[in-house]
């Protein structure tokens, strides 16, 4: 019985990682192409899935929020606008 539960847990983990990798957009995948991540996850179920979650999956929303904004937020932050005053 424990072997069956372990096998089901490994299968569920592998399916979760493969589905997550397939549904992730190409430009968000880190370190390797998406197709290679799916192949690695299927070839090495536990190690490949763990590698996907650690090194391949996109960063969380919280990590993206901590980056400073790309440009000025308002007119007071825009040097070109302030020069024109």
PDB file of N, CA and C in Angstrom:
ATOM      1  N   UNK A   1       0.805  -1.204   0.000  1.00  0.00           N
ATOM      2  CA  UNK A   1       0.000   0.000   0.000  1.00  0.00           C
ATOM      3  C   UNK A   1       0.854   1.278   0.000  1.00  0.00           C
ATOM      4  N   UNK A   2       1.913   1.361   0.810  1.00  0.00           N
ATOM      5  CA  UNK A   2       2.723   2.585   0.783  1.00  0.00           C
ATOM      6  C   UNK A   2       3.382   2.825  -0.577  1.00  0.00           C
ATOM      7  N   UNK A   3       3.757   1.736  -1.275  1.00  0.00           N
ATOM      8  CA  UNK A   3       4.374   1.911  -2.588  1.00  0.00           C
ATOM      9  C   UNK A   3       3.380   2.482  -3.588  1.00  0.00           C
ATOM     10  N   UNK A   4       2.128   2.084  -3.474  1.00  0.00           N
ATOM     11  CA  UNK A   4       1.102   2.602  -4.378  1.00  0.00           C
ATOM     12  C   UNK A   4       0.880   4.089  -4.116  1.00  0.00           C
ATOM     13  N   UNK A   5       0.830   4.471  -2.840  1.00  0.00           N
ATOM     14  CA  UNK A   5       0.661   5.885  -2.502  1.00  0.00           C
ATOM     15  C   UNK A   5       1.850   6.721  -2.971  1.00  0.00           C
ATOM     16  N   UNK A   6       3.048   6.179  -2.820  1.00  0.00           N
ATOM     17  CA  UNK A   6       4.239   6.884  -3.283  1.00  0.00           C
ATOM     18  C   UNK A   6       4.218   7.047  -4.803  1.00  0.00           C
ATOM     19  N   UNK A   7       3.837   5.983  -5.501  1.00  0.00           N
ATOM     20  CA  UNK A   7       3.756   6.051  -6.958  1.00  0.00           C
ATOM     21  C   UNK A   7       2.699   7.059  -7.404  1.00  0.00           C
ATOM     22  N   UNK A   8       1.566   7.108  -6.723  1.00  0.00           N
ATOM     23  CA  UNK A   8       0.528   8.083  -7.057  1.00  0.00           C
ATOM     24  C   UNK A   8       0.985   9.514  -6.762  1.00  0.00           C
ATOM     25  N   UNK A   9       1.739   9.685  -5.681  1.00  0.00           N
ATOM     26  CA  UNK A   9       2.258  11.015  -5.355  1.00  0.00           C
ATOM     27  C   UNK A   9       3.256  11.481  -6.415  1.00  0.00           C
ATOM     28  N   UNK A  10       4.137  10.588  -6.844  1.00  0.00           N
ATOM     29  CA  UNK A  10       5.110  10.939  -7.890  1.00  0.00           C
ATOM     30  C   UNK A  10       4.387  11.239  -9.198  1.00  0.00           C
ATOM     31  N   UNK A  11       3.378  10.453  -9.531  1.00  0.00           N
ATOM     32  CA  UNK A  11       2.608  10.688 -10.746  1.00  0.00           C
ATOM     33  C   UNK A  11       1.881  12.036 -10.686  1.00  0.00           C
ATOM     34  N   UNK A  12       1.261  12.335  -9.570  1.00  0.00           N
ATOM     35  CA  UNK A  12       0.551  13.609  -9.418  1.00  0.00           C
ATOM     36  C   UNK A  12       1.524  14.793  -9.511  1.00  0.00           C
ATOM     37  N   UNK A  13       2.684  14.671  -8.879  1.00  0.00           N
ATOM     38  CA  UNK A  13       3.694  15.727  -8.930  1.00  0.00           C
ATOM     39  C   UNK A  13       4.182  15.933 -10.358  1.00  0.00           C
ATOM     40  N   UNK A  14       4.423  14.850 -11.073  1.00  0.00           N
ATOM     41  CA  UNK A  14       4.894  14.936 -12.453  1.00  0.00           C
ATOM     42  C   UNK A  14       3.834  15.570 -13.348  1.00  0.00           C
ATOM     43  N   UNK A  15       2.597  15.151 -13.190  1.00  0.00           N
ATOM     44  CA  UNK A  15       1.515  15.726 -14.001  1.00  0.00           C
ATOM     45  C   UNK A  15       1.369  17.213 -13.702  1.00  0.00           C
ATOM     46  N   UNK A  16       1.446  17.584 -12.431  1.00  0.00           N
ATOM     47  CA  UNK A  16       1.356  19.005 -12.069  1.00  0.00           C
ATOM     48  C   UNK A  16       2.472  19.812 -12.739  1.00  0.00           C
ATOM     49  N   UNK A  17       3.696  19.317 -12.671  1.00  0.00           N
ATOM     50  CA  UNK A  17       4.836  20.043 -13.240  1.00  0.00           C
ATOM     51  C   UNK A  17       4.751  20.133 -14.760  1.00  0.00           C
ATOM     52  N   UNK A  18       4.335  19.061 -15.415  1.00  0.00           N
ATOM     53  CA  UNK A  18       4.215  19.078 -16.877  1.00  0.00           C
ATOM     54  C   UNK A  18       3.118  20.050 -17.306  1.00  0.00           C
ATOM     55  N   UNK A  19       1.974  19.997 -16.647  1.00  0.00           N
ATOM     56  CA  UNK A  19       0.876  20.899 -17.001  1.00  0.00           C
ATOM     57  C   UNK A  19       1.279  22.351 -16.741  1.00  0.00           C
ATOM     58  N   UNK A  20       1.953  22.590 -15.629  1.00  0.00           N
ATOM     59  CA  UNK A  20       2.411  23.945 -15.318  1.00  0.00           C
ATOM     60  C   UNK A  20       3.403  24.434 -16.368  1.00  0.00           C
ATOM     61  N   UNK A  21       4.315  23.581 -16.790  1.00  0.00           N
ATOM     62  CA  UNK A  21       5.300  23.974 -17.802  1.00  0.00           C
ATOM     63  C   UNK A  21       4.625  24.229 -19.150  1.00  0.00           C
ATOM     64  N   UNK A  22       3.672  23.407 -19.522  1.00  0.00           N
ATOM     65  CA  UNK A  22       2.996  23.574 -20.811  1.00  0.00           C
ATOM     66  C   UNK A  22       2.165  24.855 -20.822  1.00  0.00           C
ATOM     67  N   UNK A  23       1.531  25.195 -19.710  1.00  0.00           N
ATOM     68  CA  UNK A  23       0.671  26.370 -19.670  1.00  0.00           C
ATOM     69  C   UNK A  23       1.432  27.684 -19.494  1.00  0.00           C
ATOM     70  N   UNK A  24       2.696  27.609 -19.124  1.00  0.00           N
ATOM     71  CA  UNK A  24       3.492  28.817 -18.951  1.00  0.00           C
ATOM     72  C   UNK A  24       3.842  29.392 -20.319  1.00  0.00           C
ATOM     73  N   UNK A  25       3.752  30.704 -20.445  1.00  0.00           N
ATOM     74  CA  UNK A  25       4.079  31.348 -21.713  1.00  0.00           C
ATOM     75  C   UNK A  25       5.580  31.232 -21.985  1.00  0.00           C
ATOM     76  N   UNK A  26       5.929  31.152 -23.262  1.00  0.00           N
ATOM     77  CA  UNK A  26       7.323  30.927 -23.664  1.00  0.00           C
ATOM     78  C   UNK A  26       8.279  31.979 -23.118  1.00  0.00           C
ATOM     79  N   UNK A  27       7.883  33.232 -23.126  1.00  0.00           N
ATOM     80  CA  UNK A  27       8.802  34.288 -22.703  1.00  0.00           C
ATOM     81  C   UNK A  27       8.985  34.356 -21.183  1.00  0.00           C
ATOM     82  N   UNK A  28       8.155  33.648 -20.414  1.00  0.00           N
ATOM     83  CA  UNK A  28       8.284  33.656 -18.956  1.00  0.00           C
ATOM     84  C   UNK A  28       9.153  32.524 -18.427  1.00  0.00           C
ATOM     85  N   UNK A  29       9.411  31.497 -19.232  1.00  0.00           N
ATOM     86  CA  UNK A  29      10.195  30.344 -18.784  1.00  0.00           C
ATOM     87  C   UNK A  29      11.649  30.759 -18.622  1.00  0.00           C
ATOM     88  N   UNK A  30      12.269  30.315 -17.532  1.00  0.00           N
ATOM     89  CA  UNK A  30      13.650  30.701 -17.248  1.00  0.00           C
ATOM     90  C   UNK A  30      14.610  29.560 -17.585  1.00  0.00           C
ATOM     91  N   UNK A  31      15.823  29.906 -17.954  1.00  0.00           N
ATOM     92  CA  UNK A  31      17.003  29.059 -18.100  1.00  0.00           C
ATOM     93  C   UNK A  31      17.008  28.091 -19.283  1.00  0.00           C
ATOM     94  N   UNK A  32      15.921  27.465 -19.650  1.00  0.00           N
ATOM     95  CA  UNK A  32      15.875  26.530 -20.781  1.00  0.00           C
ATOM     96  C   UNK A  32      14.585  26.752 -21.560  1.00  0.00           C
ATOM     97  N   UNK A  33      14.525  26.300 -22.806  1.00  0.00           N
ATOM     98  CA  UNK A  33      13.262  26.387 -23.550  1.00  0.00           C
ATOM     99  C   UNK A  33      12.181  25.510 -22.904  1.00  0.00           C
ATOM    100  N   UNK A  34      10.947  25.892 -23.118  1.00  0.00           N
ATOM    101  CA  UNK A  34       9.817  25.195 -22.500  1.00  0.00           C
ATOM    102  C   UNK A  34       9.767  23.721 -22.896  1.00  0.00           C
ATOM    103  N   UNK A  35      10.022  23.420 -24.157  1.00  0.00           N
ATOM    104  CA  UNK A  35       9.970  22.031 -24.636  1.00  0.00           C
ATOM    105  C   UNK A  35      10.991  21.169 -23.893  1.00  0.00           C
ATOM    106  N   UNK A  36      12.159  21.731 -23.655  1.00  0.00           N
ATOM    107  CA  UNK A  36      13.193  20.995 -22.925  1.00  0.00           C
ATOM    108  C   UNK A  36      12.785  20.770 -21.472  1.00  0.00           C
ATOM    109  N   UNK A  37      12.133  21.746 -20.851  1.00  0.00           N
ATOM    110  CA  UNK A  37      11.659  21.552 -19.474  1.00  0.00           C
ATOM    111  C   UNK A  37      10.629  20.429 -19.398  1.00  0.00           C
ATOM    112  N   UNK A  38       9.717  20.374 -20.356  1.00  0.00           N
ATOM    113  CA  UNK A  38       8.709  19.302 -20.372  1.00  0.00           C
ATOM    114  C   UNK A  38       9.395  17.956 -20.544  1.00  0.00           C
ATOM    115  N   UNK A  39      10.360  17.881 -21.443  1.00  0.00           N
ATOM    116  CA  UNK A  39      11.095  16.633 -21.671  1.00  0.00           C
ATOM    117  C   UNK A  39      11.836  16.188 -20.409  1.00  0.00           C
ATOM    118  N   UNK A  40      12.523  17.117 -19.752  1.00  0.00           N
ATOM    119  CA  UNK A  40      13.267  16.783 -18.530  1.00  0.00           C
ATOM    120  C   UNK A  40      12.318  16.322 -17.425  1.00  0.00           C
ATOM    121  N   UNK A  41      11.180  16.993 -17.305  1.00  0.00           N
ATOM    122  CA  UNK A  41      10.212  16.632 -16.270  1.00  0.00           C
ATOM    123  C   UNK A  41       9.639  15.244 -16.517  1.00  0.00           C
ATOM    124  N   UNK A  42       9.420  14.894 -17.769  1.00  0.00           N
ATOM    125  CA  UNK A  42       8.904  13.550 -18.070  1.00  0.00           C
ATOM    126  C   UNK A  42       9.974  12.478 -17.947  1.00  0.00           C
ATOM    127  N   UNK A  43      11.205  12.813 -18.285  1.00  0.00           N
ATOM    128  CA  UNK A  43      12.293  11.837 -18.247  1.00  0.00           C
ATOM    129  C   UNK A  43      12.743  11.541 -16.813  1.00  0.00           C
ATOM    130  N   UNK A  44      12.826  12.572 -15.990  1.00  0.00           N
ATOM    131  CA  UNK A  44      13.233  12.430 -14.586  1.00  0.00           C
ATOM    132  C   UNK A  44      12.119  12.996 -13.713  1.00  0.00           C
ATOM    133  N   UNK A  45      11.115  12.198 -13.375  1.00  0.00           N
ATOM    134  CA  UNK A  45       9.904  12.732 -12.738  1.00  0.00           C
ATOM    135  C   UNK A  45      10.147  13.569 -11.481  1.00  0.00           C
ATOM    136  N   UNK A  46      10.859  13.075 -10.517  1.00  0.00           N
ATOM    137  CA  UNK A  46      11.019  13.825  -9.265  1.00  0.00           C
ATOM    138  C   UNK A  46      12.063  14.921  -9.418  1.00  0.00           C
ATOM    139  N   UNK A  47      13.232  14.571  -9.919  1.00  0.00           N
ATOM    140  CA  UNK A  47      14.308  15.555 -10.060  1.00  0.00           C
ATOM    141  C   UNK A  47      13.951  16.607 -11.113  1.00  0.00           C
ATOM    142  N   UNK A  48      13.356  16.204 -12.218  1.00  0.00           N
ATOM    143  CA  UNK A  48      12.975  17.154 -13.259  1.00  0.00           C
ATOM    144  C   UNK A  48      11.883  18.100 -12.799  1.00  0.00           C
ATOM    145  N   UNK A  49      10.914  17.564 -12.059  1.00  0.00           N
ATOM    146  CA  UNK A  49       9.853  18.417 -11.522  1.00  0.00           C
ATOM    147  C   UNK A  49      10.387  19.418 -10.512  1.00  0.00           C
ATOM    148  N   UNK A  50      11.280  18.959  -9.651  1.00  0.00           N
ATOM    149  CA  UNK A  50      11.881  19.866  -8.673  1.00  0.00           C
ATOM    150  C   UNK A  50      12.723  20.931  -9.376  1.00  0.00           C
ATOM    151  N   UNK A  51      13.450  20.535 -10.406  1.00  0.00           N
ATOM    152  CA  UNK A  51      14.256  21.501 -11.165  1.00  0.00           C
ATOM    153  C   UNK A  51      13.359  22.531 -11.843  1.00  0.00           C
ATOM    154  N   UNK A  52      12.227  22.085 -12.390  1.00  0.00           N
ATOM    155  CA  UNK A  52      11.297  23.017 -13.017  1.00  0.00           C
ATOM    156  C   UNK A  52      10.790  24.041 -11.997  1.00  0.00           C
ATOM    157  N   UNK A  53      10.390  23.572 -10.822  1.00  0.00           N
ATOM    158  CA  UNK A  53       9.845  24.482  -9.819  1.00  0.00           C
ATOM    159  C   UNK A  53      10.895  25.461  -9.295  1.00  0.00           C
ATOM    160  N   UNK A  54      12.149  25.024  -9.218  1.00  0.00           N
ATOM    161  CA  UNK A  54      13.201  25.867  -8.669  1.00  0.00           C
ATOM    162  C   UNK A  54      13.816  26.779  -9.734  1.00  0.00           C
ATOM    163  N   UNK A  55      14.132  26.228 -10.901  1.00  0.00           N
ATOM    164  CA  UNK A  55      14.932  26.977 -11.873  1.00  0.00           C
ATOM    165  C   UNK A  55      14.197  27.360 -13.158  1.00  0.00           C
ATOM    166  N   UNK A  56      13.061  26.755 -13.450  1.00  0.00           N
ATOM    167  CA  UNK A  56      12.427  27.016 -14.735  1.00  0.00           C
ATOM    168  C   UNK A  56      11.162  27.822 -14.663  1.00  0.00           C
ATOM    169  N   UNK A  57      10.456  27.691 -13.581  1.00  0.00           N
ATOM    170  CA  UNK A  57       9.179  28.355 -13.435  1.00  0.00           C
ATOM    171  C   UNK A  57       9.364  29.868 -13.345  1.00  0.00           C
ATOM    172  N   UNK A  58       8.399  30.631 -13.859  1.00  0.00           N
ATOM    173  CA  UNK A  58       8.512  32.086 -13.767  1.00  0.00           C
ATOM    174  C   UNK A  58       8.551  32.537 -12.312  1.00  0.00           C
ATOM    175  N   UNK A  59       9.159  33.674 -12.104  1.00  0.00           N
ATOM    176  CA  UNK A  59       9.219  34.224 -10.753  1.00  0.00           C
ATOM    177  C   UNK A  59       7.806  34.582 -10.292  1.00  0.00           C
ATOM    178  N   UNK A  60       7.629  34.632  -9.007  1.00  0.00           N
ATOM    179  CA  UNK A  60       6.300  34.916  -8.473  1.00  0.00           C
ATOM    180  C   UNK A  60       5.908  36.362  -8.726  1.00  0.00           C
ATOM    181  N   UNK A  61       4.665  36.654  -8.539  1.00  0.00           N
ATOM    182  CA  UNK A  61       4.146  38.006  -8.733  1.00  0.00           C
ATOM    183  C   UNK A  61       4.816  38.968  -7.756  1.00  0.00           C
ATOM    184  N   UNK A  62       5.099  38.495  -6.553  1.00  0.00           N
ATOM    185  CA  UNK A  62       5.724  39.359  -5.559  1.00  0.00           C
ATOM    186  C   UNK A  62       7.117  39.794  -5.998  1.00  0.00           C
ATOM    187  N   UNK A  63       7.880  38.906  -6.627  1.00  0.00           N
ATOM    188  CA  UNK A  63       9.209  39.269  -7.109  1.00  0.00           C
ATOM    189  C   UNK A  63       9.117  40.307  -8.216  1.00  0.00           C
ATOM    190  N   UNK A  64       8.129  40.206  -9.077  1.00  0.00           N
ATOM    191  CA  UNK A  64       7.964  41.157 -10.168  1.00  0.00           C
ATOM    192  C   UNK A  64       7.532  42.521  -9.647  1.00  0.00           C
ATOM    193  N   UNK A  65       6.768  42.552  -8.553  1.00  0.00           N
ATOM    194  CA  UNK A  65       6.300  43.813  -7.994  1.00  0.00           C
ATOM    195  C   UNK A  65       7.421  44.615  -7.350  1.00  0.00           C
ATOM    196  N   UNK A  66       8.467  43.978  -6.899  1.00  0.00           N
ATOM    197  CA  UNK A  66       9.532  44.658  -6.195  1.00  0.00           C
ATOM    198  C   UNK A  66      10.471  45.402  -7.139  1.00  0.00           C
ATOM    199  N   UNK A  67      10.370  45.176  -8.430  1.00  0.00           N
ATOM    200  CA  UNK A  67      11.215  45.871  -9.386  1.00  0.00           C
ATOM    201  C   UNK A  67      10.721  47.310  -9.531  1.00  0.00           C
ATOM    202  N   UNK A  68      11.635  48.266  -9.662  1.00  0.00           N
ATOM    203  CA  UNK A  68      11.195  49.658  -9.814  1.00  0.00           C
ATOM    204  C   UNK A  68      10.488  49.844 -11.151  1.00  0.00           C
ATOM    205  N   UNK A  69       9.601  50.813 -11.236  1.00  0.00           N
ATOM    206  CA  UNK A  69       8.904  51.048 -12.504  1.00  0.00           C
ATOM    207  C   UNK A  69       9.872  51.470 -13.598  1.00  0.00           C
ATOM    208  N   UNK A  70       9.511  51.179 -14.830  1.00  0.00           N
ATOM    209  CA  UNK A  70      10.394  51.420 -15.965  1.00  0.00           C
ATOM    210  C   UNK A  70      10.558  52.902 -16.276  1.00  0.00           C
ATOM    211  N   UNK A  71       9.514  53.668 -16.154  1.00  0.00           N
ATOM    212  CA  UNK A  71       9.585  55.076 -16.516  1.00  0.00           C
ATOM    213  C   UNK A  71       9.001  55.949 -15.433  1.00  0.00           C
ATOM    214  N   UNK A  72       8.869  57.230 -15.726  1.00  0.00           N
ATOM    215  CA  UNK A  72       8.296  58.141 -14.734  1.00  0.00           C
ATOM    216  C   UNK A  72       6.834  57.805 -14.461  1.00  0.00           C
ATOM    217  N   UNK A  73       6.420  58.015 -13.223  1.00  0.00           N
ATOM    218  CA  UNK A  73       5.044  57.719 -12.850  1.00  0.00           C
ATOM    219  C   UNK A  73       4.106  58.896 -13.125  1.00  0.00           C
ATOM    220  N   UNK A  74       4.593  60.093 -12.954  1.00  0.00           N
ATOM    221  CA  UNK A  74       3.759  61.262 -13.159  1.00  0.00           C
ATOM    222  C   UNK A  74       4.586  62.397 -13.728  1.00  0.00           C
ATOM    223  N   UNK A  75       3.958  63.536 -13.984  1.00  0.00           N
ATOM    224  CA  UNK A  75       4.690  64.646 -14.587  1.00  0.00           C
ATOM    225  C   UNK A  75       5.808  65.178 -13.693  1.00  0.00           C
ATOM    226  N   UNK A  76       5.635  65.093 -12.390  1.00  0.00           N
ATOM    227  CA  UNK A  76       6.685  65.584 -11.487  1.00  0.00           C
ATOM    228  C   UNK A  76       7.943  64.734 -11.538  1.00  0.00           C
ATOM    229  N   UNK A  77       7.824  63.492 -12.000  1.00  0.00           N
ATOM    230  CA  UNK A  77       8.969  62.587 -12.084  1.00  0.00           C
ATOM    231  C   UNK A  77       9.643  62.621 -13.456  1.00  0.00           C
ATOM    232  N   UNK A  78       9.050  63.303 -14.403  1.00  0.00           N
ATOM    233  CA  UNK A  78       9.559  63.319 -15.773  1.00  0.00           C
ATOM    234  C   UNK A  78      10.470  64.541 -15.972  1.00  0.00           C
ATOM    235  N   UNK A  79      11.791  64.330 -16.184  1.00  0.00           N
ATOM    236  CA  UNK A  79      12.709  65.451 -16.345  1.00  0.00           C
ATOM    237  C   UNK A  79      12.375  66.341 -17.547  1.00  0.00           C
ATOM    238  N   UNK A  80      11.884  65.759 -18.632  1.00  0.00           N
ATOM    239  CA  UNK A  80      11.540  66.553 -19.809  1.00  0.00           C
ATOM    240  C   UNK A  80      10.396  67.525 -19.501  1.00  0.00           C
ATOM    241  N   UNK A  81       9.425  67.060 -18.744  1.00  0.00           N
ATOM    242  CA  UNK A  81       8.290  67.923 -18.374  1.00  0.00           C
ATOM    243  C   UNK A  81       8.774  69.052 -17.466  1.00  0.00           C
ATOM    244  N   UNK A  82       9.645  68.729 -16.525  1.00  0.00           N
ATOM    245  CA  UNK A  82      10.124  69.744 -15.587  1.00  0.00           C
ATOM    246  C   UNK A  82      10.990  70.793 -16.281  1.00  0.00           C
ATOM    247  N   UNK A  83      11.728  70.404 -17.325  1.00  0.00           N
ATOM    248  CA  UNK A  83      12.529  71.356 -18.088  1.00  0.00           C
ATOM    249  C   UNK A  83      11.660  72.359 -18.823  1.00  0.00           C
ATOM    250  N   UNK A  84      10.485  71.928 -19.208  1.00  0.00           N
ATOM    251  CA  UNK A  84       9.576  72.799 -19.967  1.00  0.00           C
ATOM    252  C   UNK A  84       8.829  73.791 -19.109  1.00  0.00           C
ATOM    253  N   UNK A  85       8.930  73.720 -17.806  1.00  0.00           N
ATOM    254  CA  UNK A  85       8.198  74.657 -16.940  1.00  0.00           C
ATOM    255  C   UNK A  85       8.843  75.999 -16.867  1.00  0.00           C
TER     256      UNK A  85
END
